[in-house]
PDB file of N, CA and C in Angstrom:
ATOM      1  N   MET A   1       2.363   3.229   7.392  1.00  0.00           N
ATOM      2  CA  MET A   1       2.652   2.460   6.480  1.00  0.00           C
ATOM      3  C   MET A   1       1.501   2.005   5.652  1.00  0.00           C
ATOM      4  N   LEU A   2       1.465   1.713   4.460  1.00  0.00           N
ATOM      5  CA  LEU A   2       0.624   1.286   3.581  1.00  0.00           C
ATOM      6  C   LEU A   2       1.039   0.053   2.784  1.00  0.00           C
ATOM      7  N   VAL A   3       0.274  -0.907   2.780  1.00  0.00           N
ATOM      8  CA  VAL A   3       1.013  -1.947   1.962  1.00  0.00           C
ATOM      9  C   VAL A   3      -0.370  -2.234   1.057  1.00  0.00           C
ATOM     10  N   GLY A   4       0.086  -2.384  -0.244  1.00  0.00           N
ATOM     11  CA  GLY A   4      -1.119  -2.758  -1.360  1.00  0.00           C
ATOM     12  C   GLY A   4      -0.564  -3.389  -2.566  1.00  0.00           C
ATOM     13  N   ASN A   5      -1.489  -3.767  -3.333  1.00  0.00           N
ATOM     14  CA  ASN A   5      -1.311  -4.109  -4.744  1.00  0.00           C
ATOM     15  C   ASN A   5      -1.319  -2.827  -5.588  1.00  0.00           C
ATOM     16  N   CYS A   6      -0.188  -2.429  -6.121  1.00  0.00           N
ATOM     17  CA  CYS A   6      -0.250  -0.971  -6.396  1.00  0.00           C
ATOM     18  C   CYS A   6      -1.288  -0.379  -7.628  1.00  0.00           C
ATOM     19  N   ILE A   7      -1.601  -1.359  -8.529  1.00  0.00           N
ATOM     20  CA  ILE A   7      -2.640  -0.875  -9.410  1.00  0.00           C
ATOM     21  C   ILE A   7      -4.077  -1.220  -8.956  1.00  0.00           C
ATOM     22  N   PHE A   8      -4.097  -1.684  -8.071  1.00  0.00           N
ATOM     23  CA  PHE A   8      -5.692  -2.498  -7.296  1.00  0.00           C
ATOM     24  C   PHE A   8      -6.169  -1.573  -6.302  1.00  0.00           C
ATOM     25  N   HIS A   9      -5.334  -0.431  -5.891  1.00  0.00           N
ATOM     26  CA  HIS A   9      -5.676   0.343  -4.924  1.00  0.00           C
ATOM     27  C   HIS A   9      -5.543   2.102  -5.049  1.00  0.00           C
ATOM     28  N   LEU A  10      -6.398   2.706  -4.623  1.00  0.00           N
ATOM     29  CA  LEU A  10      -6.171   3.960  -4.898  1.00  0.00           C
ATOM     30  C   LEU A  10      -4.766   4.843  -4.685  1.00  0.00           C
ATOM     31  N   PRO A  11      -4.394   4.646  -3.270  1.00  0.00           N
ATOM     32  CA  PRO A  11      -2.828   5.241  -3.273  1.00  0.00           C
ATOM     33  C   PRO A  11      -1.911   4.882  -4.262  1.00  0.00           C
ATOM     34  N   GLY A  12      -1.841   3.630  -4.716  1.00  0.00           N
ATOM     35  CA  GLY A  12      -0.812   2.971  -5.551  1.00  0.00           C
ATOM     36  C   GLY A  12      -1.225   4.036  -7.279  1.00  0.00           C
ATOM     37  N   LYS A  13      -2.281   4.416  -7.394  1.00  0.00           N
ATOM     38  CA  LYS A  13      -2.332   5.011  -8.695  1.00  0.00           C
ATOM     39  C   LYS A  13      -2.044   6.377  -8.529  1.00  0.00           C
ATOM     40  N   ILE A  14      -2.293   7.032  -7.552  1.00  0.00           N
ATOM     41  CA  ILE A  14      -1.877   8.382  -7.345  1.00  0.00           C
ATOM     42  C   ILE A  14      -0.421   8.593  -6.693  1.00  0.00           C
ATOM     43  N   LEU A  15      -0.097   7.728  -5.631  1.00  0.00           N
ATOM     44  CA  LEU A  15       1.241   8.015  -5.440  1.00  0.00           C
ATOM     45  C   LEU A  15       2.506   7.678  -6.348  1.00  0.00           C
ATOM     46  N   LEU A  16       2.118   6.690  -7.232  1.00  0.00           N
ATOM     47  CA  LEU A  16       3.456   6.192  -8.216  1.00  0.00           C
ATOM     48  C   LEU A  16       3.177   6.578  -9.628  1.00  0.00           C
ATOM     49  N   PRO A  17       4.228   6.586 -10.297  1.00  0.00           N
ATOM     50  CA  PRO A  17       4.027   6.605 -11.735  1.00  0.00           C
ATOM     51  C   PRO A  17       3.664   5.405 -12.480  1.00  0.00           C
ATOM     52  N   ARG A  18       2.653   5.676 -13.517  1.00  0.00           N
ATOM     53  CA  ARG A  18       1.987   4.480 -14.178  1.00  0.00           C
ATOM     54  C   ARG A  18       3.229   3.139 -14.544  1.00  0.00           C
ATOM     55  N   SER A  19       4.606   3.683 -14.855  1.00  0.00           N
ATOM     56  CA  SER A  19       5.506   2.851 -15.085  1.00  0.00           C
ATOM     57  C   SER A  19       5.962   1.896 -13.957  1.00  0.00           C
ATOM     58  N   LEU A  20       5.715   2.373 -12.989  1.00  0.00           N
ATOM     59  CA  LEU A  20       6.127   1.430 -11.645  1.00  0.00           C
ATOM     60  C   LEU A  20       5.034   0.492 -11.109  1.00  0.00           C
ATOM     61  N   TRP A  21       3.788   0.637 -12.043  1.00  0.00           N
ATOM     62  CA  TRP A  21       2.561  -0.492 -11.450  1.00  0.00           C
ATOM     63  C   TRP A  21       3.046  -1.813 -11.825  1.00  0.00           C
ATOM     64  N   ASP A  22       2.584  -2.748 -11.043  1.00  0.00           N
ATOM     65  CA  ASP A  22       2.923  -4.089 -11.192  1.00  0.00           C
ATOM     66  C   ASP A  22       1.953  -5.149 -10.472  1.00  0.00           C
ATOM     67  N   GLU A  23       0.982  -5.638 -11.258  1.00  0.00           N
ATOM     68  CA  GLU A  23       0.273  -6.255 -10.293  1.00  0.00           C
ATOM     69  C   GLU A  23       0.545  -7.634  -9.838  1.00  0.00           C
ATOM     70  N   ARG A  24       1.622  -7.795 -10.153  1.00  0.00           N
ATOM     71  CA  ARG A  24       2.394  -9.221  -9.477  1.00  0.00           C
ATOM     72  C   ARG A  24       2.806  -9.163  -8.614  1.00  0.00           C
ATOM     73  N   LYS A  25       2.940  -7.672  -7.856  1.00  0.00           N
ATOM     74  CA  LYS A  25       3.891  -7.349  -6.659  1.00  0.00           C
ATOM     75  C   LYS A  25       2.808  -6.466  -5.690  1.00  0.00           C
ATOM     76  N   LEU A  26       3.348  -6.680  -4.151  1.00  0.00           N
ATOM     77  CA  LEU A  26       3.027  -5.624  -3.478  1.00  0.00           C
ATOM     78  C   LEU A  26       3.784  -4.375  -3.229  1.00  0.00           C
ATOM     79  N   VAL A  27       3.337  -3.077  -2.897  1.00  0.00           N
ATOM     80  CA  VAL A  27       4.042  -2.029  -2.943  1.00  0.00           C
ATOM     81  C   VAL A  27       4.177  -1.409  -1.126  1.00  0.00           C
ATOM     82  N   VAL A  28       4.980  -1.525  -0.792  1.00  0.00           N
ATOM     83  CA  VAL A  28       5.218  -0.970   0.479  1.00  0.00           C
ATOM     84  C   VAL A  28       5.426   0.642   0.736  1.00  0.00           C
ATOM     85  N   TYR A  29       4.757   1.512   1.339  1.00  0.00           N
ATOM     86  CA  TYR A  29       4.825   2.657   1.498  1.00  0.00           C
ATOM     87  C   TYR A  29       5.220   3.156   2.781  1.00  0.00           C
ATOM     88  N   THR A  30       6.064   3.833   3.132  1.00  0.00           N
ATOM     89  CA  THR A  30       6.174   4.850   4.163  1.00  0.00           C
ATOM     90  C   THR A  30       6.901   6.088   4.205  1.00  0.00           C
ATOM     91  N   PRO A  31       6.369   7.155   4.946  1.00  0.00           N
ATOM     92  CA  PRO A  31       6.528   8.230   4.829  1.00  0.00           C
ATOM     93  C   PRO A  31       8.281   8.620   4.931  1.00  0.00           C
ATOM     94  N   ARG A  32       8.632   9.577   3.846  1.00  0.00           N
ATOM     95  CA  ARG A  32      10.157  10.025   3.588  1.00  0.00           C
ATOM     96  C   ARG A  32      10.875  10.179   4.922  1.00  0.00           C
ATOM     97  N   ASP A  33       9.765  10.918   5.814  1.00  0.00           N
ATOM     98  CA  ASP A  33      10.415  11.403   7.230  1.00  0.00           C
ATOM     99  C   ASP A  33       9.044  11.600   7.920  1.00  0.00           C
ATOM    100  N   THR A  34       9.408  12.057   9.197  1.00  0.00           N
ATOM    101  CA  THR A  34       8.144  12.365   9.977  1.00  0.00           C
ATOM    102  C   THR A  34       7.705  13.660  10.570  1.00  0.00           C
ATOM    103  N   ARG A  35       8.094  14.616   9.544  1.00  0.00           N
ATOM    104  CA  ARG A  35       7.363  15.722   9.724  1.00  0.00           C
ATOM    105  C   ARG A  35       6.272  15.758   9.317  1.00  0.00           C
ATOM    106  N   TRP A  36       5.283  16.782  10.015  1.00  0.00           N
ATOM    107  CA  TRP A  36       3.712  16.823   9.766  1.00  0.00           C
ATOM    108  C   TRP A  36       3.596  17.360   8.377  1.00  0.00           C
ATOM    109  N   THR A  37       4.427  18.302   7.885  1.00  0.00           N
ATOM    110  CA  THR A  37       4.080  18.757   6.490  1.00  0.00           C
ATOM    111  C   THR A  37       4.113  17.562   5.369  1.00  0.00           C
ATOM    112  N   THR A  38       4.985  16.571   5.713  1.00  0.00           N
ATOM    113  CA  THR A  38       5.130  15.739   4.776  1.00  0.00           C
ATOM    114  C   THR A  38       3.861  14.808   4.700  1.00  0.00           C
ATOM    115  N   SER A  39       3.245  14.549   5.805  1.00  0.00           N
ATOM    116  CA  SER A  39       1.856  13.723   6.048  1.00  0.00           C
ATOM    117  C   SER A  39       0.846  14.524   5.213  1.00  0.00           C
ATOM    118  N   LEU A  40       0.846  15.694   5.500  1.00  0.00           N
ATOM    119  CA  LEU A  40      -0.090  16.817   4.955  1.00  0.00           C
ATOM    120  C   LEU A  40       0.084  16.604   3.434  1.00  0.00           C
ATOM    121  N   GLN A  41       1.301  16.673   2.870  1.00  0.00           N
ATOM    122  CA  GLN A  41       1.288  16.623   1.161  1.00  0.00           C
ATOM    123  C   GLN A  41       0.954  15.384   0.698  1.00  0.00           C
ATOM    124  N   LEU A  42       1.207  14.132   1.651  1.00  0.00           N
ATOM    125  CA  LEU A  42       0.653  12.991   1.206  1.00  0.00           C
ATOM    126  C   LEU A  42      -0.853  12.996   1.204  1.00  0.00           C
ATOM    127  N   VAL A  43      -1.214  13.421   2.154  1.00  0.00           N
ATOM    128  CA  VAL A  43      -3.001  13.588   2.162  1.00  0.00           C
ATOM    129  C   VAL A  43      -3.354  14.358   1.118  1.00  0.00           C
ATOM    130  N   VAL A  44      -3.068  15.373   0.858  1.00  0.00           N
ATOM    131  CA  VAL A  44      -3.310  16.477   0.013  1.00  0.00           C
ATOM    132  C   VAL A  44      -3.079  15.701  -1.569  1.00  0.00           C
ATOM    133  N   GLY A  45      -2.161  14.941  -1.672  1.00  0.00           N
ATOM    134  CA  GLY A  45      -1.695  14.522  -2.922  1.00  0.00           C
ATOM    135  C   GLY A  45      -2.858  13.267  -3.173  1.00  0.00           C
ATOM    136  N   LEU A  46      -3.154  12.376  -2.208  1.00  0.00           N
ATOM    137  CA  LEU A  46      -3.741  11.373  -2.327  1.00  0.00           C
ATOM    138  C   LEU A  46      -5.239  11.759  -2.397  1.00  0.00           C
ATOM    139  N   TRP A  47      -6.005  12.704  -1.837  1.00  0.00           N
ATOM    140  CA  TRP A  47      -7.156  12.839  -1.919  1.00  0.00           C
ATOM    141  C   TRP A  47      -7.944  13.904  -2.539  1.00  0.00           C
ATOM    142  N   LEU A  48      -6.756  14.951  -2.858  1.00  0.00           N
ATOM    143  CA  LEU A  48      -7.199  16.280  -3.533  1.00  0.00           C
ATOM    144  C   LEU A  48      -6.627  16.358  -4.997  1.00  0.00           C
ATOM    145  N   THR A  49      -5.465  16.132  -5.032  1.00  0.00           N
ATOM    146  CA  THR A  49      -4.854  16.539  -6.483  1.00  0.00           C
ATOM    147  C   THR A  49      -4.825  15.364  -7.360  1.00  0.00           C
ATOM    148  N   HIS A  50      -4.605  14.146  -6.753  1.00  0.00           N
ATOM    149  CA  HIS A  50      -4.907  12.814  -7.510  1.00  0.00           C
ATOM    150  C   HIS A  50      -3.636  12.785  -8.912  1.00  0.00           C
ATOM    151  N   ARG A  51      -2.648  13.349  -8.220  1.00  0.00           N
ATOM    152  CA  ARG A  51      -1.380  13.349  -8.952  1.00  0.00           C
ATOM    153  C   ARG A  51      -0.105  12.469  -8.110  1.00  0.00           C
ATOM    154  N   PRO A  52       0.465  11.702  -9.062  1.00  0.00           N
ATOM    155  CA  PRO A  52       1.460  10.915  -8.732  1.00  0.00           C
ATOM    156  C   PRO A  52       2.681  11.745  -8.193  1.00  0.00           C
ATOM    157  N   ARG A  53       2.768  11.341  -6.800  1.00  0.00           N
ATOM    158  CA  ARG A  53       4.011  11.903  -5.785  1.00  0.00           C
ATOM    159  C   ARG A  53       4.920  11.100  -5.431  1.00  0.00           C
ATOM    160  N   PRO A  54       5.853  10.338  -6.464  1.00  0.00           N
ATOM    161  CA  PRO A  54       6.906   9.320  -5.878  1.00  0.00           C
ATOM    162  C   PRO A  54       7.887   9.898  -4.863  1.00  0.00           C
ATOM    163  N   ASP A  55       7.950  11.311  -4.883  1.00  0.00           N
ATOM    164  CA  ASP A  55       9.015  11.957  -4.095  1.00  0.00           C
ATOM    165  C   ASP A  55       8.698  12.001  -2.676  1.00  0.00           C
ATOM    166  N   LEU A  56       7.536  11.625  -2.398  1.00  0.00           N
ATOM    167  CA  LEU A  56       6.947  11.787  -0.551  1.00  0.00           C
ATOM    168  C   LEU A  56       7.356  10.548  -0.077  1.00  0.00           C
ATOM    169  N   PRO A  57       6.712   9.354  -0.729  1.00  0.00           N
ATOM    170  CA  PRO A  57       6.686   7.849   0.331  1.00  0.00           C
ATOM    171  C   PRO A  57       8.206   7.323  -0.118  1.00  0.00           C
ATOM    172  N   ARG A  58       8.863   6.490   0.827  1.00  0.00           N
ATOM    173  CA  ARG A  58       9.751   5.452   0.408  1.00  0.00           C
ATOM    174  C   ARG A  58       8.846   4.293   0.050  1.00  0.00           C
ATOM    175  N   PHE A  59       9.253   3.685  -0.991  1.00  0.00           N
ATOM    176  CA  PHE A  59       8.408   2.322  -1.432  1.00  0.00           C
ATOM    177  C   PHE A  59       9.322   1.470  -2.148  1.00  0.00           C
ATOM    178  N   ALA A  60       8.853   0.019  -1.596  1.00  0.00           N
ATOM    179  CA  ALA A  60       9.537  -1.162  -1.976  1.00  0.00           C
ATOM    180  C   ALA A  60       8.735  -1.813  -2.806  1.00  0.00           C
ATOM    181  N   SER A  61       9.029  -2.758  -3.657  1.00  0.00           N
ATOM    182  CA  SER A  61       8.039  -3.775  -4.427  1.00  0.00           C
ATOM    183  C   SER A  61       8.512  -4.922  -3.950  1.00  0.00           C
ATOM    184  N   THR A  62       7.580  -5.810  -3.623  1.00  0.00           N
ATOM    185  CA  THR A  62       7.914  -7.479  -3.279  1.00  0.00           C
ATOM    186  C   THR A  62       6.946  -8.221  -3.335  1.00  0.00           C
ATOM    187  N   GLU A  63       7.275  -9.556  -3.239  1.00  0.00           N
ATOM    188  CA  GLU A  63       5.989 -10.540  -3.164  1.00  0.00           C
ATOM    189  C   GLU A  63       5.307 -10.528  -1.790  1.00  0.00           C
ATOM    190  N   TYR A  64       6.251 -10.419  -0.450  1.00  0.00           N
ATOM    191  CA  TYR A  64       5.797 -10.859   0.595  1.00  0.00           C
ATOM    192  C   TYR A  64       6.438  -9.744   1.814  1.00  0.00           C
ATOM    193  N   VAL A  65       5.720  -8.991   2.573  1.00  0.00           N
ATOM    194  CA  VAL A  65       6.435  -8.227   3.668  1.00  0.00           C
ATOM    195  C   VAL A  65       5.940  -8.543   4.987  1.00  0.00           C
ATOM    196  N   THR A  66       6.590  -8.645   6.346  1.00  0.00           N
ATOM    197  CA  THR A  66       6.087  -8.842   7.471  1.00  0.00           C
ATOM    198  C   THR A  66       6.457  -7.599   8.365  1.00  0.00           C
ATOM    199  N   VAL A  67       5.333  -7.057   8.808  1.00  0.00           N
ATOM    200  CA  VAL A  67       5.426  -5.892   9.286  1.00  0.00           C
ATOM    201  C   VAL A  67       5.210  -6.063  10.923  1.00  0.00           C
ATOM    202  N   THR A  68       6.269  -5.627  11.813  1.00  0.00           N
ATOM    203  CA  THR A  68       6.409  -5.744  13.122  1.00  0.00           C
ATOM    204  C   THR A  68       6.813  -4.450  13.960  1.00  0.00           C
ATOM    205  N   THR A  69       6.129  -4.356  14.927  1.00  0.00           N
ATOM    206  CA  THR A  69       6.295  -2.888  15.408  1.00  0.00           C
ATOM    207  C   THR A  69       6.537  -3.406  17.245  1.00  0.00           C
ATOM    208  N   VAL A  70       7.243  -2.479  17.970  1.00  0.00           N
ATOM    209  CA  VAL A  70       7.402  -2.569  19.389  1.00  0.00           C
ATOM    210  C   VAL A  70       6.886  -1.184  20.096  1.00  0.00           C
ATOM    211  N   PRO A  71       5.741  -1.319  20.641  1.00  0.00           N
ATOM    212  CA  PRO A  71       4.815  -2.356  21.082  1.00  0.00           C
ATOM    213  C   PRO A  71       4.037  -2.920  19.890  1.00  0.00           C
ATOM    214  N   PRO A  72       3.235  -4.002  19.909  1.00  0.00           N
ATOM    215  CA  PRO A  72       2.326  -4.377  19.135  1.00  0.00           C
ATOM    216  C   PRO A  72       1.212  -3.351  18.579  1.00  0.00           C
ATOM    217  N   GLN A  73       1.017  -3.003  17.324  1.00  0.00           N
ATOM    218  CA  GLN A  73       0.199  -2.322  17.042  1.00  0.00           C
ATOM    219  C   GLN A  73      -1.471  -2.681  16.496  1.00  0.00           C
ATOM    220  N   PRO A  74      -2.474  -2.200  16.588  1.00  0.00           N
ATOM    221  CA  PRO A  74      -3.418  -2.802  15.614  1.00  0.00           C
ATOM    222  C   PRO A  74      -3.257  -2.346  14.464  1.00  0.00           C
ATOM    223  N   ILE A  75      -4.044  -3.184  13.473  1.00  0.00           N
ATOM    224  CA  ILE A  75      -3.965  -2.510  11.983  1.00  0.00           C
ATOM    225  C   ILE A  75      -5.154  -2.669  11.431  1.00  0.00           C
ATOM    226  N   ASP A  76      -5.391  -1.807  10.530  1.00  0.00           N
ATOM    227  CA  ASP A  76      -6.597  -1.374   9.672  1.00  0.00           C
ATOM    228  C   ASP A  76      -6.275  -2.055   8.141  1.00  0.00           C
ATOM    229  N   LEU A  77      -7.369  -3.300   8.055  1.00  0.00           N
ATOM    230  CA  LEU A  77      -7.120  -3.956   6.749  1.00  0.00           C
ATOM    231  C   LEU A  77      -8.355  -3.448   6.082  1.00  0.00           C
ATOM    232  N   ASP A  78      -8.546  -2.541   4.865  1.00  0.00           N
ATOM    233  CA  ASP A  78      -9.621  -2.010   4.014  1.00  0.00           C
ATOM    234  C   ASP A  78     -10.753  -1.755   5.022  1.00  0.00           C
ATOM    235  N   GLY A  79     -10.249  -0.893   6.074  1.00  0.00           N
ATOM    236  CA  GLY A  79     -11.583  -0.376   6.957  1.00  0.00           C
ATOM    237  C   GLY A  79     -11.741  -1.080   8.022  1.00  0.00           C
ATOM    238  N   GLU A  80     -11.075  -2.472   8.161  1.00  0.00           N
ATOM    239  CA  GLU A  80     -11.700  -3.398   9.300  1.00  0.00           C
ATOM    240  C   GLU A  80     -10.335  -3.255  10.282  1.00  0.00           C
ATOM    241  N   MET A  81     -10.549  -3.331  11.685  1.00  0.00           N
ATOM    242  CA  MET A  81      -9.590  -3.672  12.555  1.00  0.00           C
ATOM    243  C   MET A  81      -9.093  -5.060  12.642  1.00  0.00           C
ATOM    244  N   ALA A  82      -8.126  -5.388  12.579  1.00  0.00           N
ATOM    245  CA  ALA A  82      -7.544  -6.746  12.444  1.00  0.00           C
ATOM    246  C   ALA A  82      -6.417  -7.260  13.697  1.00  0.00           C
ATOM    247  N   ASN A  83      -6.207  -8.291  13.814  1.00  0.00           N
ATOM    248  CA  ASN A  83      -5.227  -8.555  14.973  1.00  0.00           C
ATOM    249  C   ASN A  83      -3.869  -7.666  14.978  1.00  0.00           C
ATOM    250  N   PRO A  84      -3.557  -7.647  15.963  1.00  0.00           N
ATOM    251  CA  PRO A  84      -2.266  -6.390  16.069  1.00  0.00           C
ATOM    252  C   PRO A  84      -0.966  -6.885  15.228  1.00  0.00           C
ATOM    253  N   THR A  85       0.126  -6.362  15.204  1.00  0.00           N
ATOM    254  CA  THR A  85       1.058  -6.785  14.396  1.00  0.00           C
ATOM    255  C   THR A  85       2.018  -7.782  15.407  1.00  0.00           C
ATOM    256  N   PRO A  86       2.765  -8.566  14.999  1.00  0.00           N
ATOM    257  CA  PRO A  86       3.356  -8.693  13.555  1.00  0.00           C
ATOM    258  C   PRO A  86       2.306  -9.374  12.753  1.00  0.00           C
ATOM    259  N   VAL A  87       2.131  -8.872  11.421  1.00  0.00           N
ATOM    260  CA  VAL A  87       1.589  -9.572  10.292  1.00  0.00           C
ATOM    261  C   VAL A  87       2.388  -9.781   8.892  1.00  0.00           C
ATOM    262  N   GLU A  88       1.787 -10.658   8.317  1.00  0.00           N
ATOM    263  CA  GLU A  88       2.416 -10.735   7.213  1.00  0.00           C
ATOM    264  C   GLU A  88       1.555 -10.499   5.754  1.00  0.00           C
ATOM    265  N   PHE A  89       2.101 -10.070   4.662  1.00  0.00           N
ATOM    266  CA  PHE A  89       1.176  -9.678   3.638  1.00  0.00           C
ATOM    267  C   PHE A  89       2.094 -10.440   2.549  1.00  0.00           C
ATOM    268  N   ARG A  90       1.037 -11.246   1.809  1.00  0.00           N
ATOM    269  CA  ARG A  90       1.792 -11.771   0.453  1.00  0.00           C
ATOM    270  C   ARG A  90       0.842 -12.012  -0.543  1.00  0.00           C
ATOM    271  N   ILE A  91       1.360 -11.932  -1.911  1.00  0.00           N
ATOM    272  CA  ILE A  91       0.733 -12.215  -3.028  1.00  0.00           C
ATOM    273  C   ILE A  91       0.014 -13.630  -3.027  1.00  0.00           C
ATOM    274  N   ALA A  92      -1.138 -13.606  -3.308  1.00  0.00           N
ATOM    275  CA  ALA A  92      -1.653 -15.300  -3.657  1.00  0.00           C
ATOM    276  C   ALA A  92      -1.865 -15.706  -5.044  1.00  0.00           C
ATOM    277  N   LYS A  93      -0.806 -16.082  -5.853  1.00  0.00           N
ATOM    278  CA  LYS A  93      -0.971 -16.098  -6.977  1.00  0.00           C
ATOM    279  C   LYS A  93      -1.908 -17.313  -7.432  1.00  0.00           C
ATOM    280  N   ASN A  94      -2.492 -17.054  -8.417  1.00  0.00           N
ATOM    281  CA  ASN A  94      -3.593 -17.771  -9.107  1.00  0.00           C
ATOM    282  C   ASN A  94      -4.868 -18.022  -7.760  1.00  0.00           C
ATOM    283  N   ALA A  95      -5.001 -17.263  -7.078  1.00  0.00           N
ATOM    284  CA  ALA A  95      -6.120 -17.626  -5.704  1.00  0.00           C
ATOM    285  C   ALA A  95      -7.293 -17.464  -6.334  1.00  0.00           C
ATOM    286  N   LEU A  96      -7.441 -16.911  -7.080  1.00  0.00           N
ATOM    287  CA  LEU A  96      -9.041 -16.379  -7.773  1.00  0.00           C
ATOM    288  C   LEU A  96      -9.613 -17.306  -8.755  1.00  0.00           C
ATOM    289  N   ARG A  97     -10.399 -18.058  -8.838  1.00  0.00           N
ATOM    290  CA  ARG A  97     -10.695 -18.783 -10.006  1.00  0.00           C
ATOM    291  C   ARG A  97     -12.140 -18.189 -10.379  1.00  0.00           C
ATOM    292  N   VAL A  98     -12.423 -17.893 -11.726  1.00  0.00           N
ATOM    293  CA  VAL A  98     -13.596 -17.120 -11.982  1.00  0.00           C
ATOM    294  C   VAL A  98     -14.439 -18.240 -12.987  1.00  0.00           C
ATOM    295  N   LEU A  99     -15.785 -18.853 -12.946  1.00  0.00           N
ATOM    296  CA  LEU A  99     -16.507 -19.537 -13.357  1.00  0.00           C
ATOM    297  C   LEU A  99     -17.476 -18.608 -14.410  1.00  0.00           C
ATOM    298  N   VAL A 100     -17.275 -18.782 -15.538  1.00  0.00           N
ATOM    299  CA  VAL A 100     -18.339 -18.081 -16.554  1.00  0.00           C
ATOM    300  C   VAL A 100     -19.247 -19.200 -17.273  1.00  0.00           C
ATOM    301  N   PRO A 101     -20.757 -19.090 -17.503  1.00  0.00           N
ATOM    302  CA  PRO A 101     -21.289 -19.920 -18.337  1.00  0.00           C
ATOM    303  C   PRO A 101     -20.733 -19.599 -19.764  1.00  0.00           C
ATOM    304  N   GLN A 102     -21.170 -20.871 -20.267  1.00  0.00           N
ATOM    305  CA  GLN A 102     -20.786 -21.172 -21.773  1.00  0.00           C
ATOM    306  C   GLN A 102     -21.499 -20.133 -22.351  1.00  0.00           C
TER     307      GLN A 102
END
């Protein structure tokens, strides 16, 4: 499973057609099935061909999602191991303020 802001992370730019990009939402991806060939196609699509493949994952667009697993699983947040599931992801609107000199 992958959760990200679709225009600000590489998989979103590769897996989804540009018409589905929305920076105000999270995109949740899960493989369409559990076959190893589907996983291989996703990897090839992500890292080698860099072409949109909306047919491979299931995806949903949302402002928040809670991920729960049985048993609890560790999660990878941008390459860092975090607390195990359950975990909630949400869009933080207007959370970043930028100050620039006049």
